[in-house]
């Protein structure tokens, strides 16, 4: 899967919200922050819980299970107990389509 794949449409994700999608058998979360779209593996690196169940505040997502926090743009860990960064995926917008590239 070396190409970008359509995952959603721009209208599917309101500003300040996130949604989870399955692409190639993998759960991917896409969020919209200040008009930009960010995609990441929908799994907390602390204990593999679903991140899209958590809270999004700007570029910061908080896992609702143990409070780990990440930057959705960079994947950087912002708060323990997680120590591994999020897996981030490149996103392109083509008209109304949100395209995600799962591997480089």
C-alpha atoms as a PDB file:
ATOM      1  CA  UNK A   1       0.000   0.000   0.000  1.00  0.00           C
ATOM      2  CA  UNK A   2       2.374   2.687  -1.226  1.00  0.00           C
ATOM      3  CA  UNK A   3      -0.197   5.171  -2.510  1.00  0.00           C
ATOM      4  CA  UNK A   4      -2.576   7.501  -0.761  1.00  0.00           C
ATOM      5  CA  UNK A   5      -5.976   5.959  -0.116  1.00  0.00           C
ATOM      6  CA  UNK A   6      -9.303   7.751   0.254  1.00  0.00           C
ATOM      7  CA  UNK A   7     -10.473   7.358   3.844  1.00  0.00           C
ATOM      8  CA  UNK A   8     -13.192   9.992   4.257  1.00  0.00           C
ATOM      9  CA  UNK A   9     -14.601  13.251   2.971  1.00  0.00           C
ATOM     10  CA  UNK A  10     -13.819  16.657   4.444  1.00  0.00           C
ATOM     11  CA  UNK A  11     -17.440  17.041   5.564  1.00  0.00           C
ATOM     12  CA  UNK A  12     -17.207  13.808   7.613  1.00  0.00           C
ATOM     13  CA  UNK A  13     -14.992  15.451  10.241  1.00  0.00           C
ATOM     14  CA  UNK A  14     -16.130  18.753  11.791  1.00  0.00           C
ATOM     15  CA  UNK A  15     -13.603  21.248  13.150  1.00  0.00           C
ATOM     16  CA  UNK A  16     -12.206  20.149  16.529  1.00  0.00           C
ATOM     17  CA  UNK A  17     -13.497  16.589  16.133  1.00  0.00           C
ATOM     18  CA  UNK A  18     -12.038  13.192  15.239  1.00  0.00           C
ATOM     19  CA  UNK A  19     -13.357   9.997  13.712  1.00  0.00           C
ATOM     20  CA  UNK A  20     -12.034   6.460  13.481  1.00  0.00           C
ATOM     21  CA  UNK A  21     -11.864   4.496  10.218  1.00  0.00           C
ATOM     22  CA  UNK A  22     -10.607   1.063   9.195  1.00  0.00           C
ATOM     23  CA  UNK A  23      -8.117   1.121   6.327  1.00  0.00           C
ATOM     24  CA  UNK A  24      -6.349  -2.027   5.212  1.00  0.00           C
ATOM     25  CA  UNK A  25      -7.471  -3.766   8.400  1.00  0.00           C
ATOM     26  CA  UNK A  26      -5.998  -1.045  10.617  1.00  0.00           C
ATOM     27  CA  UNK A  27      -7.835   1.488  12.802  1.00  0.00           C
ATOM     28  CA  UNK A  28      -6.896   5.035  11.777  1.00  0.00           C
ATOM     29  CA  UNK A  29      -8.069   8.186  13.544  1.00  0.00           C
ATOM     30  CA  UNK A  30      -8.396  11.431  11.616  1.00  0.00           C
ATOM     31  CA  UNK A  31      -8.925  14.756  13.341  1.00  0.00           C
ATOM     32  CA  UNK A  32      -9.474  18.311  12.135  1.00  0.00           C
ATOM     33  CA  UNK A  33      -7.611  21.065  13.956  1.00  0.00           C
ATOM     34  CA  UNK A  34      -7.700  24.686  12.756  1.00  0.00           C
ATOM     35  CA  UNK A  35      -8.671  23.511   9.278  1.00  0.00           C
ATOM     36  CA  UNK A  36      -5.866  20.947   9.034  1.00  0.00           C
ATOM     37  CA  UNK A  37      -6.364  17.183   9.001  1.00  0.00           C
ATOM     38  CA  UNK A  38      -4.096  14.796  10.911  1.00  0.00           C
ATOM     39  CA  UNK A  39      -4.126  10.993  10.780  1.00  0.00           C
ATOM     40  CA  UNK A  40      -2.626   8.544  13.245  1.00  0.00           C
ATOM     41  CA  UNK A  41      -2.919   4.951  14.359  1.00  0.00           C
ATOM     42  CA  UNK A  42      -6.002   4.830  16.581  1.00  0.00           C
ATOM     43  CA  UNK A  43      -4.176   3.132  19.423  1.00  0.00           C
ATOM     44  CA  UNK A  44      -2.560   4.530  22.562  1.00  0.00           C
ATOM     45  CA  UNK A  45       1.077   3.439  22.720  1.00  0.00           C
ATOM     46  CA  UNK A  46       0.774   2.898  26.473  1.00  0.00           C
ATOM     47  CA  UNK A  47      -1.657  -0.048  26.540  1.00  0.00           C
ATOM     48  CA  UNK A  48      -3.199  -0.220  23.057  1.00  0.00           C
ATOM     49  CA  UNK A  49      -6.564   1.345  23.938  1.00  0.00           C
ATOM     50  CA  UNK A  50      -8.570   3.240  21.305  1.00  0.00           C
ATOM     51  CA  UNK A  51      -7.414   6.874  21.266  1.00  0.00           C
ATOM     52  CA  UNK A  52     -10.446   8.220  19.413  1.00  0.00           C
ATOM     53  CA  UNK A  53     -12.472   7.475  22.571  1.00  0.00           C
ATOM     54  CA  UNK A  54     -10.426  10.187  24.294  1.00  0.00           C
ATOM     55  CA  UNK A  55     -10.534  13.986  24.266  1.00  0.00           C
ATOM     56  CA  UNK A  56      -9.151  16.273  21.571  1.00  0.00           C
ATOM     57  CA  UNK A  57      -8.083  19.766  22.647  1.00  0.00           C
ATOM     58  CA  UNK A  58      -6.357  21.572  19.802  1.00  0.00           C
ATOM     59  CA  UNK A  59      -3.430  19.402  18.711  1.00  0.00           C
ATOM     60  CA  UNK A  60      -3.483  17.480  22.015  1.00  0.00           C
ATOM     61  CA  UNK A  61      -5.286  14.149  22.377  1.00  0.00           C
ATOM     62  CA  UNK A  62      -5.754  12.535  25.790  1.00  0.00           C
ATOM     63  CA  UNK A  63      -6.332   8.809  26.184  1.00  0.00           C
ATOM     64  CA  UNK A  64      -9.449   8.362  28.299  1.00  0.00           C
ATOM     65  CA  UNK A  65      -8.104   5.245  30.017  1.00  0.00           C
ATOM     66  CA  UNK A  66      -4.839   6.308  31.686  1.00  0.00           C
ATOM     67  CA  UNK A  67      -4.400   9.966  30.710  1.00  0.00           C
ATOM     68  CA  UNK A  68      -1.504   9.642  28.263  1.00  0.00           C
ATOM     69  CA  UNK A  69      -1.328  12.682  25.966  1.00  0.00           C
ATOM     70  CA  UNK A  70       0.035  13.086  22.452  1.00  0.00           C
ATOM     71  CA  UNK A  71       0.449  15.786  19.819  1.00  0.00           C
ATOM     72  CA  UNK A  72      -1.694  14.692  16.843  1.00  0.00           C
ATOM     73  CA  UNK A  73       0.467  16.642  14.372  1.00  0.00           C
ATOM     74  CA  UNK A  74       3.860  15.235  15.407  1.00  0.00           C
ATOM     75  CA  UNK A  75       2.990  12.110  17.419  1.00  0.00           C
ATOM     76  CA  UNK A  76       5.101  13.414  20.308  1.00  0.00           C
ATOM     77  CA  UNK A  77       4.268  12.124  23.796  1.00  0.00           C
ATOM     78  CA  UNK A  78       3.140  15.070  25.942  1.00  0.00           C
ATOM     79  CA  UNK A  79       2.225  13.261  29.163  1.00  0.00           C
ATOM     80  CA  UNK A  80       3.020   9.912  30.757  1.00  0.00           C
ATOM     81  CA  UNK A  81       2.326   7.038  31.165  1.00  0.00           C
ATOM     82  CA  UNK A  82       3.008   6.642  27.410  1.00  0.00           C
ATOM     83  CA  UNK A  83       6.652   6.850  26.371  1.00  0.00           C
ATOM     84  CA  UNK A  84       6.414   5.842  22.685  1.00  0.00           C
ATOM     85  CA  UNK A  85       5.157   8.393  20.130  1.00  0.00           C
ATOM     86  CA  UNK A  86       2.047   7.896  18.005  1.00  0.00           C
ATOM     87  CA  UNK A  87       2.378   6.492  14.517  1.00  0.00           C
ATOM     88  CA  UNK A  88       1.484   9.437  12.258  1.00  0.00           C
ATOM     89  CA  UNK A  89       0.311   9.091   8.640  1.00  0.00           C
ATOM     90  CA  UNK A  90       0.659  11.670   5.846  1.00  0.00           C
ATOM     91  CA  UNK A  91      -2.629  13.283   4.768  1.00  0.00           C
ATOM     92  CA  UNK A  92      -3.567  14.981   1.492  1.00  0.00           C
ATOM     93  CA  UNK A  93      -6.804  16.697   0.545  1.00  0.00           C
ATOM     94  CA  UNK A  94      -8.001  16.176  -3.033  1.00  0.00           C
ATOM     95  CA  UNK A  95     -11.160  18.196  -3.595  1.00  0.00           C
ATOM     96  CA  UNK A  96     -13.517  16.897  -0.896  1.00  0.00           C
ATOM     97  CA  UNK A  97     -11.566  13.679  -0.295  1.00  0.00           C
ATOM     98  CA  UNK A  98      -9.248  13.005   2.639  1.00  0.00           C
ATOM     99  CA  UNK A  99      -6.417  10.754   1.478  1.00  0.00           C
ATOM    100  CA  UNK A 100      -4.073   8.929   3.863  1.00  0.00           C
ATOM    101  CA  UNK A 101      -0.792   7.138   3.150  1.00  0.00           C
ATOM    102  CA  UNK A 102      -0.286   4.218   5.527  1.00  0.00           C
ATOM    103  CA  UNK A 103       3.333   3.400   4.709  1.00  0.00           C
ATOM    104  CA  UNK A 104       6.224   5.324   3.249  1.00  0.00           C
END
